[in-house]
Amino acid sequence: MAMSQFTSRILSSFNPQGIRDPSGVTRGFHIEPGPREKVLLEEDPALKRFKSHKKTVWRLKRVGDVLTVVVVAGCCYEIYVRTVKRNAEREASQTNQEAAR
């Protein structure tokens, strides 16, 4: 019996009909926002000058991401080149040692 109460409590938390408020009232997803919510969602003219700031930050982040990828690719390439050179030197030294015998 306790197990069924536990599972019903878990399943009720995934309620697809609406969102359960702490007060126990179930609100649907498509409810008109209240007056306070409408005021908060309105466009604020004092923040208009910061809109371009968002675009600049986004571009700067994008440039940083690209630079990070370029640096990582350069490091991987450098490791690859050094490994290939080292292997070529080993093969050359082994060939010289076998020829000297």
Protein backbone atom coordinates (compact mmCIF):
# COMPACT_ATOMS: atom_id res chain seq x y z
CA MET A 1 0.00 0.00 0.00
CA ALA A 2 2.81 2.41 0.87
CA MET A 3 4.47 1.63 -2.44
CA SER A 4 1.36 2.58 -4.42
CA GLN A 5 1.09 5.89 -2.54
CA PHE A 6 4.74 6.58 -3.29
CA THR A 7 4.34 5.86 -7.01
CA SER A 8 1.12 7.87 -7.22
CA ARG A 9 2.89 10.82 -5.57
CA ILE A 10 5.73 10.58 -8.11
CA LEU A 11 3.36 10.26 -11.04
CA SER A 12 1.30 13.22 -9.84
CA SER A 13 4.43 15.39 -10.03
CA PHE A 14 4.48 14.78 -13.79
CA ASN A 15 1.00 16.26 -14.16
CA PRO A 16 0.50 17.08 -17.88
CA GLN A 17 -2.71 19.09 -17.27
CA GLY A 18 -1.09 21.97 -15.46
CA ILE A 19 1.36 23.31 -12.94
CA ARG A 20 0.71 22.75 -9.25
CA ASP A 21 1.15 25.88 -7.15
CA PRO A 22 2.46 25.60 -3.58
CA SER A 23 -1.04 26.51 -2.42
CA GLY A 24 -2.34 23.32 -4.04
CA VAL A 25 -4.22 25.06 -6.85
CA THR A 26 -3.59 23.62 -10.31
CA ARG A 27 -3.06 26.21 -13.02
CA GLY A 28 -3.24 25.38 -16.71
CA PHE A 29 -0.42 26.25 -19.07
CA HIS A 30 -2.44 28.72 -21.18
CA ILE A 31 -3.61 31.19 -18.55
CA GLU A 32 -3.61 34.91 -19.15
CA PRO A 33 -0.80 36.56 -17.11
CA GLY A 34 -1.81 38.80 -14.27
CA PRO A 35 -1.33 42.59 -14.18
CA ARG A 36 2.03 42.35 -12.39
CA GLU A 37 3.32 39.80 -14.89
CA LYS A 38 2.17 42.01 -17.78
CA VAL A 39 4.05 44.99 -16.35
CA LEU A 40 7.19 42.89 -15.94
CA LEU A 41 6.94 41.61 -19.51
CA GLU A 42 6.54 45.08 -21.04
CA GLU A 43 9.49 46.60 -22.86
CA ASP A 44 11.42 48.99 -20.63
CA PRO A 45 12.66 52.13 -22.42
CA ALA A 46 15.50 52.55 -19.91
CA LEU A 47 16.97 49.24 -21.07
CA LYS A 48 16.80 50.05 -24.79
CA ARG A 49 20.43 51.21 -24.92
CA PHE A 50 21.64 47.83 -23.62
CA LYS A 51 20.05 45.82 -26.45
CA SER A 52 23.10 46.31 -28.67
CA HIS A 53 25.24 45.15 -25.75
CA LYS A 54 23.67 41.70 -26.01
CA LYS A 55 24.66 41.43 -29.66
CA THR A 56 28.19 42.54 -28.90
CA VAL A 57 28.54 39.99 -26.13
CA TRP A 58 27.16 37.27 -28.41
CA ARG A 59 29.68 38.17 -31.14
CA LEU A 60 32.53 38.29 -28.64
CA LYS A 61 31.58 34.87 -27.30
CA ARG A 62 31.45 33.52 -30.86
CA VAL A 63 34.92 34.93 -31.62
CA GLY A 64 36.23 33.38 -28.41
CA ASP A 65 34.76 30.01 -29.37
CA VAL A 66 36.34 30.18 -32.82
CA LEU A 67 39.72 31.16 -31.37
CA THR A 68 39.53 28.29 -28.91
CA VAL A 69 38.86 25.83 -31.73
CA VAL A 70 41.74 27.27 -33.77
CA VAL A 71 44.18 27.01 -30.85
CA VAL A 72 43.15 23.43 -30.07
CA ALA A 73 43.46 22.49 -33.76
CA GLY A 74 46.91 24.10 -33.89
CA CYS A 75 48.04 22.18 -30.83
CA CYS A 76 46.75 18.91 -32.28
CA TYR A 77 48.54 19.63 -35.56
CA GLU A 78 51.79 20.43 -33.75
CA ILE A 79 51.58 17.16 -31.78
CA TYR A 80 50.91 15.28 -35.02
CA VAL A 81 53.88 16.88 -36.80
CA ARG A 82 56.26 16.15 -33.93
CA THR A 83 55.08 12.54 -33.77
CA VAL A 84 55.56 12.05 -37.50
CA LYS A 85 59.05 13.60 -37.35
CA ARG A 86 60.01 11.45 -34.38
CA ASN A 87 58.81 8.28 -36.14
CA ALA A 88 60.71 9.26 -39.31
CA GLU A 89 63.88 9.82 -37.30
CA ARG A 90 63.50 6.42 -35.59
CA GLU A 91 63.05 4.67 -38.91
CA ALA A 92 66.06 6.49 -40.36
CA SER A 93 68.25 5.59 -37.37
CA GLN A 94 67.12 1.95 -37.51
CA THR A 95 67.90 1.83 -41.25
CA ASN A 96 71.38 3.31 -40.61
CA GLN A 97 72.08 0.79 -37.83
CA GLU A 98 71.03 -2.15 -40.01
CA ALA A 99 73.16 -0.88 -42.88
CA ALA A 100 76.20 -0.55 -40.59
CA ARG A 101 75.94 -4.20 -39.50
